[in-house]
Amino acid sequence: MMFYETKNGNVKLGAGFLTGFLSLSLFSACEKVIDLKLDNAAPAIVIEGGVNDLNENQVIRITKTYNFYDANRFNGVGGAKVVLTASDGTLVNYTESSPGIYMSPKFKGKPGTTYKLTVNSEGKTYTASSTMPQKVILNLLTFKSVNLVDKTRKYVTVIYDDPPGIPNQYHSIIRFKGKVKFDVATDDRFNDGNKVNDILFYDLKDMVPGDTIAVEFQCVDKAVYKYFFSMGQNTAEAQPVSPANPPSNFDNNALGVFSAYTSSSRKALVK
């Protein structure tokens, strides 16, 4: 099994050998040395990005996994051909702006449209499709204090009106000083048609009054929701399941995800 994680656009793959010396005390000082062996695995391609309903350059990032002990870096894959086709007949060619970063001309995606991304890289073709949902507006951000284990913690809450009668999936992203601090995938199984107050459980303890927090509220399709929900399970502090690759919507064994999504954002001052 291969499990990868992404930080700041960098992807690492468990490989090589790891030796752990575990001292086990049994009555007296009985010690046992355990060698943990991590199998090598061939580098895998990772494709990440999407199309939103904002009039901007859409971005696709293409990287490869690398060895566990290698220095943390952006392992960009250059020389790929990236093409987007839409169910309304739109065709967009992406241009490589730097190794591994591919950008489209400015354009605005349309809800209800299905987008197909095709990537040709190193003699192989990878495709993924995603349908942009109808937009749901993020109405308001508020703050909520919650008592947990005798401590009071402050969290940001997103408030929105869920459309009734249709399944909806959301991906909420917290940014502070331009950097992503937290993200979570949710759906409306228990909130269909309601005014929703969702607490985003990221502790704001490192922020001081006067700081500005930003939240991007994305409406995503079901496959993209499953990807980000699985990522959240892997990175949770108390993991309920064994780590595994999140379910990519790309074919040909590519990792990553392609998302057609709507975006609604708000900012709030920490008090």
Protein backbone atom coordinates (compact mmCIF):
# COMPACT_ATOMS: atom_id res chain seq x y z
CA MET A 1 0.00 0.00 0.00
CA MET A 2 1.23 3.47 -0.88
CA PHE A 3 0.10 6.47 1.16
CA TYR A 4 1.05 10.00 0.21
CA GLU A 5 0.46 13.39 1.71
CA THR A 6 0.65 16.89 0.23
CA LYS A 7 2.02 19.91 2.04
CA ASN A 8 2.42 23.21 0.24
CA GLY A 9 2.25 21.39 -3.07
CA ASN A 10 4.87 18.80 -2.11
CA VAL A 11 4.22 15.07 -2.29
CA LYS A 12 6.16 12.42 -0.40
CA LEU A 13 6.11 8.65 -0.77
CA GLY A 14 7.09 6.15 1.91
CA ALA A 15 10.14 4.27 0.60
CA GLY A 16 13.51 2.87 1.71
CA PHE A 17 14.32 1.55 5.14
CA LEU A 18 13.40 2.86 8.55
CA THR A 19 15.06 1.38 11.64
CA GLY A 20 13.34 1.86 14.96
CA PHE A 21 14.79 0.87 18.27
CA LEU A 22 11.96 0.13 20.66
CA SER A 23 12.77 -0.64 24.29
CA LEU A 24 10.18 -2.92 25.77
CA SER A 25 10.22 -3.38 29.54
CA LEU A 26 8.87 -6.69 30.76
CA PHE A 27 9.34 -7.10 34.49
CA SER A 28 13.09 -6.42 34.27
CA ALA A 29 14.98 -4.52 31.54
CA CYS A 30 14.34 -6.87 28.60
CA GLU A 31 15.12 -5.16 25.26
CA LYS A 32 14.27 -6.09 21.69
CA VAL A 33 15.41 -4.37 18.47
CA ILE A 34 12.81 -4.18 15.72
CA ASP A 35 13.73 -3.23 12.14
CA LEU A 36 10.89 -1.71 10.12
CA LYS A 37 11.29 -2.12 6.36
CA LEU A 38 9.51 0.19 3.91
CA ASP A 39 9.30 -1.20 0.39
CA ASN A 40 10.38 0.90 -2.57
CA ALA A 41 7.66 2.02 -4.96
CA ALA A 42 7.87 3.62 -8.39
CA PRO A 43 7.12 7.37 -8.48
CA ALA A 44 3.44 8.09 -9.18
CA ILE A 45 2.01 11.10 -11.00
CA VAL A 46 -0.19 13.46 -8.99
CA ILE A 47 -2.58 15.85 -10.78
CA GLU A 48 -4.42 18.51 -8.76
CA GLY A 49 -6.54 21.49 -9.70
CA GLY A 50 -9.90 22.52 -10.98
CA VAL A 51 -12.24 24.94 -12.69
CA ASN A 52 -14.32 27.45 -10.75
CA ASP A 53 -17.04 29.98 -11.56
CA LEU A 54 -14.71 32.99 -11.11
CA ASN A 55 -13.26 34.84 -14.08
CA GLU A 56 -9.61 33.96 -13.51
CA ASN A 57 -6.71 31.81 -14.68
CA GLN A 58 -7.57 28.22 -13.81
CA VAL A 59 -4.57 26.23 -12.50
CA ILE A 60 -3.49 22.58 -12.74
CA ARG A 61 -0.47 21.27 -10.79
CA ILE A 62 1.34 18.13 -11.91
CA THR A 63 3.92 16.53 -9.62
CA LYS A 64 5.44 13.15 -8.81
CA THR A 65 5.82 11.34 -5.54
CA TYR A 66 9.36 10.89 -4.23
CA ASN A 67 11.28 8.99 -1.59
CA PHE A 68 10.45 9.41 2.08
CA TYR A 69 13.94 10.62 3.01
CA ASP A 70 14.30 13.08 0.10
CA ALA A 71 14.25 16.79 0.92
CA ASN A 72 10.78 18.33 1.00
CA ARG A 73 10.26 20.05 -2.34
CA PHE A 74 7.80 20.76 -5.14
CA ASN A 75 8.52 17.88 -7.52
CA GLY A 76 6.93 19.46 -10.60
CA VAL A 77 6.48 17.57 -13.88
CA GLY A 78 7.20 19.69 -16.94
CA GLY A 79 6.43 19.19 -20.60
CA ALA A 80 2.87 17.92 -20.22
CA LYS A 81 -0.01 18.78 -22.54
CA VAL A 82 -3.10 19.86 -20.61
CA VAL A 83 -6.46 20.33 -22.36
CA LEU A 84 -9.90 21.06 -20.93
CA THR A 85 -13.11 20.24 -22.82
CA ALA A 86 -16.62 21.10 -21.67
CA SER A 87 -20.07 19.69 -22.37
CA ASP A 88 -21.05 23.09 -23.86
CA GLY A 89 -18.33 22.77 -26.53
CA THR A 90 -15.67 24.93 -24.82
CA LEU A 91 -12.06 23.83 -25.40
CA VAL A 92 -9.18 25.36 -23.41
CA ASN A 93 -5.45 24.71 -23.79
CA TYR A 94 -3.28 25.26 -20.73
CA THR A 95 0.20 26.80 -20.82
CA GLU A 96 3.09 25.75 -18.57
CA SER A 97 4.03 28.81 -16.50
CA SER A 98 6.73 27.00 -14.50
CA PRO A 99 7.71 23.32 -14.12
CA GLY A 100 4.58 21.49 -12.98
CA ILE A 101 2.28 24.55 -13.03
CA TYR A 102 -0.17 24.85 -15.93
CA MET A 103 -2.49 27.82 -16.38
CA SER A 104 -5.44 28.56 -18.64
CA PRO A 105 -6.39 31.92 -20.10
CA LYS A 106 -8.90 33.72 -17.89
CA PHE A 107 -12.38 32.23 -18.14
CA LYS A 108 -15.39 31.53 -15.96
CA GLY A 109 -16.83 28.06 -15.47
CA LYS A 110 -20.60 27.52 -15.60
CA PRO A 111 -22.71 25.57 -13.09
CA GLY A 112 -24.36 22.51 -14.63
CA THR A 113 -21.48 22.03 -17.08
CA THR A 114 -19.36 18.88 -17.12
CA TYR A 115 -15.63 19.49 -17.61
CA LYS A 116 -13.13 16.87 -18.75
CA LEU A 117 -9.41 17.37 -18.14
CA THR A 118 -6.95 15.46 -20.32
CA VAL A 119 -3.26 15.34 -19.38
CA ASN A 120 -0.61 13.82 -21.64
CA SER A 121 2.68 13.34 -19.79
CA GLU A 122 5.70 11.14 -20.52
CA GLY A 123 3.82 9.03 -23.06
CA LYS A 124 0.75 8.39 -20.90
CA THR A 125 -2.74 9.94 -20.92
CA TYR A 126 -4.78 10.69 -17.82
CA THR A 127 -8.38 11.95 -17.77
CA ALA A 128 -10.86 13.09 -15.14
CA SER A 129 -14.35 14.60 -15.34
CA SER A 130 -16.28 16.77 -12.90
CA THR A 131 -19.67 18.49 -13.10
CA MET A 132 -19.94 21.97 -11.57
CA PRO A 133 -22.86 22.10 -9.09
CA GLN A 134 -25.26 25.02 -8.72
CA LYS A 135 -23.85 27.75 -6.52
CA VAL A 136 -24.67 28.11 -2.84
CA ILE A 137 -23.69 31.45 -1.29
CA LEU A 138 -21.77 31.67 1.98
CA ASN A 139 -24.00 34.13 3.83
CA LEU A 140 -21.99 34.87 6.95
CA LEU A 141 -19.04 33.94 9.15
CA THR A 142 -19.39 33.97 12.92
CA PHE A 143 -17.30 32.75 15.84
CA LYS A 144 -18.32 30.20 18.44
CA SER A 145 -16.66 29.30 21.73
CA VAL A 146 -16.87 25.64 22.72
CA ASN A 147 -15.86 24.08 26.06
CA LEU A 148 -13.76 20.94 25.45
CA VAL A 149 -11.90 19.08 28.21
CA ASP A 150 -12.12 22.03 30.60
CA LYS A 151 -10.77 24.40 27.96
CA THR A 152 -12.62 27.01 25.94
CA ARG A 153 -11.75 26.96 22.27
CA LYS A 154 -12.85 29.40 19.59
CA TYR A 155 -13.93 28.25 16.14
CA VAL A 156 -15.27 29.92 13.01
CA THR A 157 -18.78 28.99 11.83
CA VAL A 158 -20.08 29.14 8.23
CA ILE A 159 -23.74 30.05 7.71
CA TYR A 160 -25.57 29.25 4.47
CA ASP A 161 -28.97 28.19 3.10
CA ASP A 162 -28.91 24.63 1.76
CA PRO A 163 -31.12 24.18 -1.34
CA PRO A 164 -33.93 21.68 -0.65
CA GLY A 165 -34.57 18.46 -2.51
CA ILE A 166 -31.14 17.88 -4.08
CA PRO A 167 -27.92 16.37 -2.70
CA ASN A 168 -25.28 19.01 -1.99
CA GLN A 169 -21.61 18.61 -1.08
CA TYR A 170 -19.31 21.32 0.25
CA HIS A 171 -15.60 21.91 0.76
CA SER A 172 -14.71 24.68 3.24
CA ILE A 173 -11.18 26.09 3.37
CA ILE A 174 -9.75 28.34 6.11
CA ARG A 175 -6.90 30.67 5.12
CA PHE A 176 -4.86 32.89 7.41
CA LYS A 177 -2.33 35.34 5.98
CA GLY A 178 -2.84 33.74 2.58
CA LYS A 179 -1.98 30.22 3.73
CA VAL A 180 -4.36 27.27 3.96
CA LYS A 181 -4.71 26.26 7.60
CA PHE A 182 -7.62 23.83 7.51
CA ASP A 183 -10.17 22.29 5.18
CA VAL A 184 -13.16 20.01 5.60
CA ALA A 185 -15.70 18.28 3.33
CA THR A 186 -19.37 18.14 4.39
CA ASP A 187 -22.72 17.22 2.83
CA ASP A 188 -26.41 17.93 3.49
CA ARG A 189 -27.63 14.46 4.51
CA PHE A 190 -28.94 15.86 7.79
CA ASN A 191 -29.43 19.50 6.74
CA ASP A 192 -31.32 19.32 3.45
CA GLY A 193 -33.19 22.57 2.85
CA ASN A 194 -32.15 24.13 6.16
CA LYS A 195 -30.33 27.27 7.23
CA VAL A 196 -27.06 25.66 8.23
CA ASN A 197 -24.54 26.72 10.89
CA ASP A 198 -21.46 24.54 10.42
CA ILE A 199 -18.60 24.82 12.92
CA LEU A 200 -15.17 24.42 11.30
CA PHE A 201 -13.16 22.69 14.00
CA TYR A 202 -9.88 24.53 13.58
CA ASP A 203 -8.71 26.06 16.87
CA LEU A 204 -8.06 29.79 16.46
CA LYS A 205 -5.73 29.91 19.49
CA ASP A 206 -2.79 31.27 17.44
CA MET A 207 -4.80 34.26 16.25
CA VAL A 208 -5.15 37.50 18.15
CA PRO A 209 -7.91 40.12 18.12
CA GLY A 210 -7.65 42.14 14.93
CA ASP A 211 -6.41 39.25 12.78
CA THR A 212 -8.40 38.52 9.63
CA ILE A 213 -9.50 34.99 8.78
CA ALA A 214 -10.77 34.04 5.32
CA VAL A 215 -13.04 31.13 4.40
CA GLU A 216 -13.66 29.85 0.88
CA PHE A 217 -16.89 27.87 0.56
CA GLN A 218 -16.91 25.52 -2.44
CA CYS A 219 -19.81 23.51 -3.85
CA VAL A 220 -18.36 20.28 -5.26
CA ASP A 221 -19.67 17.11 -6.91
CA LYS A 222 -19.91 13.77 -5.11
CA ALA A 223 -16.60 12.29 -6.34
CA VAL A 224 -14.66 15.39 -5.26
CA TYR A 225 -16.43 15.34 -1.88
CA LYS A 226 -15.34 11.71 -1.36
CA TYR A 227 -11.73 12.67 -2.16
CA PHE A 228 -11.56 15.53 0.35
CA PHE A 229 -13.55 13.61 2.98
CA SER A 230 -11.05 10.76 2.70
CA MET A 231 -8.15 13.21 2.98
CA GLY A 232 -9.71 14.54 6.17
CA GLN A 233 -9.92 11.01 7.58
CA ASN A 234 -6.22 10.44 6.84
CA THR A 235 -5.08 13.68 8.48
CA ALA A 236 -7.37 13.65 11.52
CA GLU A 237 -5.58 13.79 14.88
CA ALA A 238 -7.34 10.61 15.99
CA GLN A 239 -7.45 8.55 12.79
CA PRO A 240 -10.52 6.26 12.78
CA VAL A 241 -9.17 4.29 9.79
CA SER A 242 -5.81 3.19 8.44
CA PRO A 243 -4.22 5.76 6.08
CA ALA A 244 -4.82 5.08 2.39
CA ASN A 245 -4.75 6.94 -0.91
CA PRO A 246 -7.89 9.09 -1.26
CA PRO A 247 -10.15 8.01 -4.16
CA SER A 248 -8.93 9.99 -7.18
CA ASN A 249 -11.30 10.72 -10.06
CA PHE A 250 -8.41 10.33 -12.55
CA ASP A 251 -7.93 7.15 -14.55
CA ASN A 252 -4.69 5.30 -15.39
CA ASN A 253 -3.58 5.13 -11.72
CA ALA A 254 -2.95 8.87 -11.34
CA LEU A 255 -3.26 10.36 -7.84
CA GLY A 256 -4.91 13.67 -7.06
CA VAL A 257 -8.26 15.21 -7.99
CA PHE A 258 -9.85 17.44 -10.63
CA SER A 259 -12.76 19.55 -9.36
CA ALA A 260 -15.31 21.74 -11.12
CA TYR A 261 -16.67 23.88 -8.28
CA THR A 262 -18.38 27.13 -7.40
CA SER A 263 -16.65 29.45 -4.96
CA SER A 264 -18.05 31.86 -2.39
CA SER A 265 -15.71 33.59 0.08
CA ARG A 266 -15.94 35.79 3.14
CA LYS A 267 -13.56 37.32 5.66
CA ALA A 268 -14.02 38.10 9.35
CA LEU A 269 -12.06 39.86 12.08
CA VAL A 270 -11.04 37.80 15.06
CA LYS A 271 -12.33 39.48 18.23
